[in-house]
């Protein structure tokens, strides 16, 4: 089709690939808003659920840990569960991005903006 135009055919192909990547990234971001991960602490006594984008959506606390004397322990368990959920969300996002970039023929460790 663009045979007589030299490298312009390659440029058109590259532009099409860039548009395809942009579309797939938008879909991936939408999908990540619906993916969830759960972080835990205290052997499951506190659980935090977040989207793969890192937005905290739920917190489940076993009632057995509520004791007025253990307020600081409970706070630490809650923070630990949230941090665990956020770390899992970040890893999930990274894994999804690697799938997308590999599918496009890009290096899996390429850093693209979210």
N, C-alpha and C. Protein backbone atom coordinates (compact mmCIF):
# COMPACT_ATOMS: atom_id res chain seq x y z
N UNK A 1 0.82 -1.19 0.00
CA UNK A 1 0.00 0.00 0.00
C UNK A 1 0.86 1.25 0.00
N UNK A 2 1.79 1.37 0.93
CA UNK A 2 2.69 2.52 0.98
C UNK A 2 4.09 2.12 0.53
N UNK A 3 4.16 1.16 -0.35
CA UNK A 3 5.42 0.57 -0.75
C UNK A 3 6.42 1.59 -1.30
N UNK A 4 5.97 2.54 -2.11
CA UNK A 4 6.86 3.50 -2.72
C UNK A 4 7.23 4.66 -1.81
N UNK A 5 6.76 4.66 -0.58
CA UNK A 5 7.01 5.79 0.32
C UNK A 5 8.14 5.52 1.32
N UNK A 6 8.88 4.48 1.13
CA UNK A 6 10.04 4.21 2.00
C UNK A 6 9.64 3.94 3.43
N UNK A 7 10.23 4.68 4.35
CA UNK A 7 10.02 4.46 5.78
C UNK A 7 8.67 4.98 6.30
N UNK A 8 7.92 5.68 5.45
CA UNK A 8 6.62 6.18 5.89
C UNK A 8 5.66 5.03 6.21
N UNK A 9 5.80 3.93 5.51
CA UNK A 9 4.97 2.76 5.81
C UNK A 9 5.25 2.24 7.21
N UNK A 10 6.52 2.24 7.61
CA UNK A 10 6.89 1.83 8.97
C UNK A 10 6.31 2.80 9.99
N UNK A 11 6.32 4.08 9.67
CA UNK A 11 5.79 5.10 10.58
C UNK A 11 4.29 4.89 10.78
N UNK A 12 3.58 4.60 9.68
CA UNK A 12 2.14 4.36 9.79
C UNK A 12 1.87 3.13 10.65
N UNK A 13 2.68 2.11 10.47
CA UNK A 13 2.54 0.88 11.27
C UNK A 13 2.79 1.19 12.75
N UNK A 14 3.81 1.99 13.02
CA UNK A 14 4.15 2.34 14.39
C UNK A 14 3.03 3.18 15.03
N UNK A 15 2.45 4.09 14.28
CA UNK A 15 1.35 4.91 14.79
C UNK A 15 0.13 4.03 15.11
N UNK A 16 -0.14 3.07 14.25
CA UNK A 16 -1.26 2.16 14.49
C UNK A 16 -1.02 1.34 15.76
N UNK A 17 0.23 0.89 15.94
CA UNK A 17 0.57 0.13 17.15
C UNK A 17 0.42 0.99 18.40
N UNK A 18 0.82 2.25 18.31
CA UNK A 18 0.70 3.16 19.45
C UNK A 18 -0.78 3.37 19.82
N UNK A 19 -1.62 3.53 18.81
CA UNK A 19 -3.05 3.70 19.07
C UNK A 19 -3.64 2.44 19.69
N UNK A 20 -3.21 1.29 19.22
CA UNK A 20 -3.68 0.02 19.76
C UNK A 20 -3.26 -0.12 21.22
N UNK A 21 -2.01 0.25 21.52
CA UNK A 21 -1.51 0.20 22.89
C UNK A 21 -2.32 1.13 23.78
N UNK A 22 -2.62 2.32 23.31
CA UNK A 22 -3.39 3.27 24.09
C UNK A 22 -4.78 2.72 24.40
N UNK A 23 -5.41 2.10 23.43
CA UNK A 23 -6.74 1.50 23.63
C UNK A 23 -6.67 0.38 24.66
N UNK A 24 -5.66 -0.47 24.52
CA UNK A 24 -5.52 -1.60 25.45
C UNK A 24 -5.20 -1.11 26.86
N UNK A 25 -4.40 -0.05 26.98
CA UNK A 25 -4.09 0.48 28.31
C UNK A 25 -5.33 1.06 28.97
N UNK A 26 -6.17 1.74 28.20
CA UNK A 26 -7.41 2.29 28.76
C UNK A 26 -8.31 1.16 29.25
N UNK A 27 -8.40 0.09 28.47
CA UNK A 27 -9.21 -1.06 28.89
C UNK A 27 -8.62 -1.71 30.14
N UNK A 28 -7.29 -1.82 30.19
CA UNK A 28 -6.64 -2.43 31.34
C UNK A 28 -6.91 -1.60 32.60
N UNK A 29 -6.86 -0.27 32.49
CA UNK A 29 -7.12 0.57 33.65
C UNK A 29 -8.55 0.36 34.15
N UNK A 30 -9.48 0.24 33.22
CA UNK A 30 -10.87 -0.01 33.60
C UNK A 30 -11.00 -1.38 34.29
N UNK A 31 -10.32 -2.38 33.72
CA UNK A 31 -10.36 -3.72 34.31
C UNK A 31 -9.74 -3.73 35.70
N UNK A 32 -8.66 -2.98 35.89
CA UNK A 32 -7.99 -2.95 37.19
C UNK A 32 -8.85 -2.33 38.28
N UNK A 33 -9.75 -1.45 37.89
CA UNK A 33 -10.66 -0.86 38.87
C UNK A 33 -11.64 -1.91 39.40
N UNK A 34 -11.81 -3.01 38.65
CA UNK A 34 -12.73 -4.07 39.06
C UNK A 34 -12.02 -5.28 39.66
N UNK A 35 -10.70 -5.35 39.54
CA UNK A 35 -9.93 -6.46 40.14
C UNK A 35 -9.69 -6.12 41.61
N UNK A 36 -9.80 -7.13 42.47
CA UNK A 36 -9.53 -6.88 43.89
C UNK A 36 -8.46 -7.82 44.42
N UNK A 37 -7.79 -7.33 45.45
CA UNK A 37 -6.80 -8.11 46.18
C UNK A 37 -7.11 -7.93 47.66
N UNK A 38 -6.72 -8.89 48.48
CA UNK A 38 -6.95 -8.79 49.91
C UNK A 38 -5.65 -8.95 50.65
N UNK A 39 -5.36 -7.99 51.51
CA UNK A 39 -4.19 -8.05 52.37
C UNK A 39 -4.63 -8.46 53.76
N UNK A 40 -3.74 -9.16 54.47
CA UNK A 40 -4.09 -9.65 55.80
C UNK A 40 -2.99 -9.33 56.79
N UNK A 41 -3.37 -9.31 58.06
CA UNK A 41 -2.41 -9.22 59.15
C UNK A 41 -2.99 -9.95 60.35
N UNK A 42 -2.12 -10.24 61.31
CA UNK A 42 -2.58 -10.93 62.52
C UNK A 42 -3.19 -12.28 62.21
N UNK A 43 -2.57 -13.02 61.31
CA UNK A 43 -3.04 -14.36 60.92
C UNK A 43 -4.49 -14.33 60.44
N UNK A 44 -4.84 -13.27 59.72
CA UNK A 44 -6.17 -13.16 59.16
C UNK A 44 -7.19 -12.46 60.04
N UNK A 45 -6.76 -11.95 61.18
CA UNK A 45 -7.71 -11.25 62.06
C UNK A 45 -8.16 -9.92 61.46
N UNK A 46 -7.29 -9.31 60.65
CA UNK A 46 -7.64 -8.07 59.97
C UNK A 46 -7.38 -8.28 58.49
N UNK A 47 -8.40 -7.96 57.68
CA UNK A 47 -8.28 -8.10 56.23
C UNK A 47 -8.67 -6.78 55.58
N UNK A 48 -7.86 -6.35 54.62
CA UNK A 48 -8.15 -5.14 53.86
C UNK A 48 -8.27 -5.53 52.39
N UNK A 49 -9.33 -5.09 51.75
CA UNK A 49 -9.54 -5.37 50.33
C UNK A 49 -9.38 -4.07 49.56
N UNK A 50 -8.66 -4.16 48.44
CA UNK A 50 -8.41 -2.99 47.60
C UNK A 50 -8.53 -3.39 46.13
N UNK A 51 -8.77 -2.39 45.29
CA UNK A 51 -8.75 -2.66 43.85
C UNK A 51 -7.29 -2.79 43.43
N UNK A 52 -7.07 -3.30 42.22
CA UNK A 52 -5.70 -3.42 41.71
C UNK A 52 -5.09 -2.04 41.47
N UNK A 53 -5.90 -1.00 41.51
CA UNK A 53 -5.40 0.36 41.39
C UNK A 53 -5.00 0.91 42.76
N UNK A 54 -5.22 0.14 43.83
CA UNK A 54 -4.80 0.54 45.17
C UNK A 54 -5.86 1.24 46.00
N UNK A 55 -7.09 1.32 45.52
CA UNK A 55 -8.16 1.97 46.27
C UNK A 55 -8.74 1.00 47.29
N UNK A 56 -8.68 1.37 48.55
CA UNK A 56 -9.22 0.53 49.62
C UNK A 56 -10.74 0.48 49.51
N UNK A 57 -11.29 -0.74 49.47
CA UNK A 57 -12.74 -0.88 49.30
C UNK A 57 -13.43 -1.53 50.49
N UNK A 58 -12.69 -2.28 51.31
CA UNK A 58 -13.32 -2.94 52.45
C UNK A 58 -12.28 -3.23 53.52
N UNK A 59 -12.77 -3.31 54.74
CA UNK A 59 -11.93 -3.64 55.88
C UNK A 59 -12.72 -4.59 56.76
N UNK A 60 -12.16 -5.77 57.06
CA UNK A 60 -12.84 -6.77 57.88
C UNK A 60 -11.99 -7.03 59.12
N UNK A 61 -12.57 -6.79 60.29
CA UNK A 61 -11.84 -6.95 61.54
C UNK A 61 -12.56 -7.97 62.41
N UNK A 62 -11.83 -9.00 62.80
CA UNK A 62 -12.39 -10.03 63.68
C UNK A 62 -12.69 -9.39 65.03
N UNK A 63 -13.91 -9.54 65.55
CA UNK A 63 -14.29 -8.89 66.81
C UNK A 63 -13.46 -9.34 68.01
N UNK A 64 -12.79 -10.46 67.91
CA UNK A 64 -12.01 -10.95 69.05
C UNK A 64 -10.83 -10.05 69.39
N UNK A 65 -10.44 -9.17 68.48
CA UNK A 65 -9.27 -8.33 68.78
C UNK A 65 -9.64 -7.02 69.48
N UNK A 66 -10.94 -6.80 69.68
CA UNK A 66 -11.34 -5.55 70.34
C UNK A 66 -11.27 -5.70 71.85
N UNK A 67 -10.27 -5.09 72.39
CA UNK A 67 -10.05 -5.05 73.83
C UNK A 67 -9.44 -3.68 74.08
N UNK A 68 -10.02 -2.92 74.95
CA UNK A 68 -9.58 -1.55 75.20
C UNK A 68 -8.09 -1.41 75.47
N UNK A 69 -7.49 -2.45 76.04
CA UNK A 69 -6.07 -2.39 76.37
C UNK A 69 -5.18 -2.59 75.14
N UNK A 70 -5.75 -3.11 74.06
CA UNK A 70 -4.95 -3.45 72.88
C UNK A 70 -5.17 -2.49 71.71
N UNK A 71 -5.57 -1.27 72.01
CA UNK A 71 -5.87 -0.30 70.96
C UNK A 71 -4.71 -0.15 69.98
N UNK A 72 -3.50 0.00 70.47
CA UNK A 72 -2.34 0.19 69.60
C UNK A 72 -2.06 -1.04 68.74
N UNK A 73 -2.28 -2.21 69.30
CA UNK A 73 -2.07 -3.45 68.54
C UNK A 73 -3.09 -3.52 67.40
N UNK A 74 -4.33 -3.19 67.69
CA UNK A 74 -5.38 -3.20 66.66
C UNK A 74 -5.04 -2.21 65.55
N UNK A 75 -4.61 -1.02 65.92
CA UNK A 75 -4.24 -0.01 64.92
C UNK A 75 -3.09 -0.51 64.04
N UNK A 76 -2.11 -1.15 64.67
CA UNK A 76 -0.97 -1.69 63.91
C UNK A 76 -1.42 -2.79 62.95
N UNK A 77 -2.34 -3.65 63.41
CA UNK A 77 -2.86 -4.72 62.55
C UNK A 77 -3.63 -4.15 61.36
N UNK A 78 -4.40 -3.11 61.61
CA UNK A 78 -5.15 -2.47 60.51
C UNK A 78 -4.19 -1.88 59.50
N UNK A 79 -3.21 -1.14 59.96
CA UNK A 79 -2.22 -0.55 59.05
C UNK A 79 -1.48 -1.62 58.26
N UNK A 80 -1.11 -2.69 58.93
CA UNK A 80 -0.38 -3.77 58.26
C UNK A 80 -1.23 -4.42 57.17
N UNK A 81 -2.51 -4.62 57.44
CA UNK A 81 -3.41 -5.22 56.44
C UNK A 81 -3.58 -4.30 55.24
N UNK A 82 -3.72 -3.01 55.51
CA UNK A 82 -3.86 -2.05 54.41
C UNK A 82 -2.59 -2.01 53.57
N UNK A 83 -1.43 -1.97 54.21
CA UNK A 83 -0.17 -1.96 53.48
C UNK A 83 0.01 -3.24 52.65
N UNK A 84 -0.40 -4.36 53.21
CA UNK A 84 -0.32 -5.63 52.48
C UNK A 84 -1.22 -5.59 51.25
N UNK A 85 -2.43 -5.07 51.40
CA UNK A 85 -3.35 -4.96 50.27
C UNK A 85 -2.79 -4.03 49.20
N UNK A 86 -2.21 -2.91 49.62
CA UNK A 86 -1.63 -1.97 48.66
C UNK A 86 -0.44 -2.59 47.92
N UNK A 87 0.38 -3.34 48.62
CA UNK A 87 1.53 -4.00 47.98
C UNK A 87 1.04 -5.04 46.96
N UNK A 88 0.00 -5.79 47.33
CA UNK A 88 -0.56 -6.77 46.40
C UNK A 88 -1.20 -6.08 45.21
N UNK A 89 -1.83 -4.94 45.43
CA UNK A 89 -2.45 -4.19 44.33
C UNK A 89 -1.37 -3.70 43.36
N UNK A 90 -0.27 -3.20 43.90
CA UNK A 90 0.82 -2.72 43.05
C UNK A 90 1.41 -3.86 42.24
N UNK A 91 1.57 -5.02 42.86
CA UNK A 91 2.11 -6.18 42.15
C UNK A 91 1.15 -6.64 41.07
N UNK A 92 -0.14 -6.64 41.38
CA UNK A 92 -1.14 -7.05 40.39
C UNK A 92 -1.13 -6.11 39.19
N UNK A 93 -1.04 -4.80 39.47
CA UNK A 93 -0.98 -3.81 38.40
C UNK A 93 0.26 -4.03 37.53
N UNK A 94 1.39 -4.31 38.17
CA UNK A 94 2.63 -4.56 37.44
C UNK A 94 2.50 -5.83 36.58
N UNK A 95 1.89 -6.86 37.13
CA UNK A 95 1.69 -8.10 36.38
C UNK A 95 0.79 -7.88 35.16
N UNK A 96 -0.28 -7.11 35.34
CA UNK A 96 -1.19 -6.82 34.24
C UNK A 96 -0.50 -6.01 33.15
N UNK A 97 0.33 -5.05 33.56
CA UNK A 97 1.06 -4.24 32.58
C UNK A 97 2.05 -5.11 31.81
N UNK A 98 2.70 -6.05 32.49
CA UNK A 98 3.64 -6.94 31.82
C UNK A 98 2.93 -7.78 30.77
N UNK A 99 1.74 -8.27 31.09
CA UNK A 99 0.95 -9.04 30.12
C UNK A 99 0.64 -8.20 28.89
N UNK A 100 0.25 -6.95 29.12
CA UNK A 100 -0.12 -6.06 28.03
C UNK A 100 1.09 -5.76 27.14
N UNK A 101 2.20 -5.40 27.75
CA UNK A 101 3.37 -5.03 26.95
C UNK A 101 3.95 -6.22 26.20
N UNK A 102 3.96 -7.39 26.84
CA UNK A 102 4.45 -8.58 26.15
C UNK A 102 3.55 -8.93 24.97
N UNK A 103 2.25 -8.75 25.13
CA UNK A 103 1.31 -9.02 24.06
C UNK A 103 1.49 -8.08 22.88
N UNK A 104 2.05 -6.91 23.16
CA UNK A 104 2.30 -5.93 22.09
C UNK A 104 3.71 -6.07 21.51
N UNK A 105 4.48 -7.04 22.02
CA UNK A 105 5.83 -7.23 21.52
C UNK A 105 6.83 -6.28 22.15
N UNK A 106 6.47 -5.63 23.25
CA UNK A 106 7.38 -4.73 23.95
C UNK A 106 8.06 -5.49 25.09
N UNK A 107 9.21 -5.00 25.54
CA UNK A 107 9.85 -5.67 26.68
C UNK A 107 8.93 -5.65 27.90
N UNK A 108 8.90 -6.76 28.65
CA UNK A 108 7.95 -6.84 29.77
C UNK A 108 8.29 -5.88 30.90
N UNK A 109 9.53 -5.41 30.97
CA UNK A 109 9.91 -4.51 32.05
C UNK A 109 9.88 -3.05 31.63
N UNK A 110 9.27 -2.74 30.49
CA UNK A 110 9.17 -1.36 30.04
C UNK A 110 8.27 -0.59 31.01
N UNK A 111 8.64 0.62 31.32
CA UNK A 111 7.86 1.44 32.26
C UNK A 111 6.99 2.42 31.47
N UNK A 112 5.70 2.14 31.45
CA UNK A 112 4.76 3.02 30.78
C UNK A 112 3.92 3.72 31.84
N UNK A 113 3.46 4.92 31.57
CA UNK A 113 2.65 5.63 32.57
C UNK A 113 1.30 4.97 32.76
N UNK A 114 0.81 5.03 33.99
CA UNK A 114 -0.52 4.52 34.31
C UNK A 114 -1.47 5.66 34.28
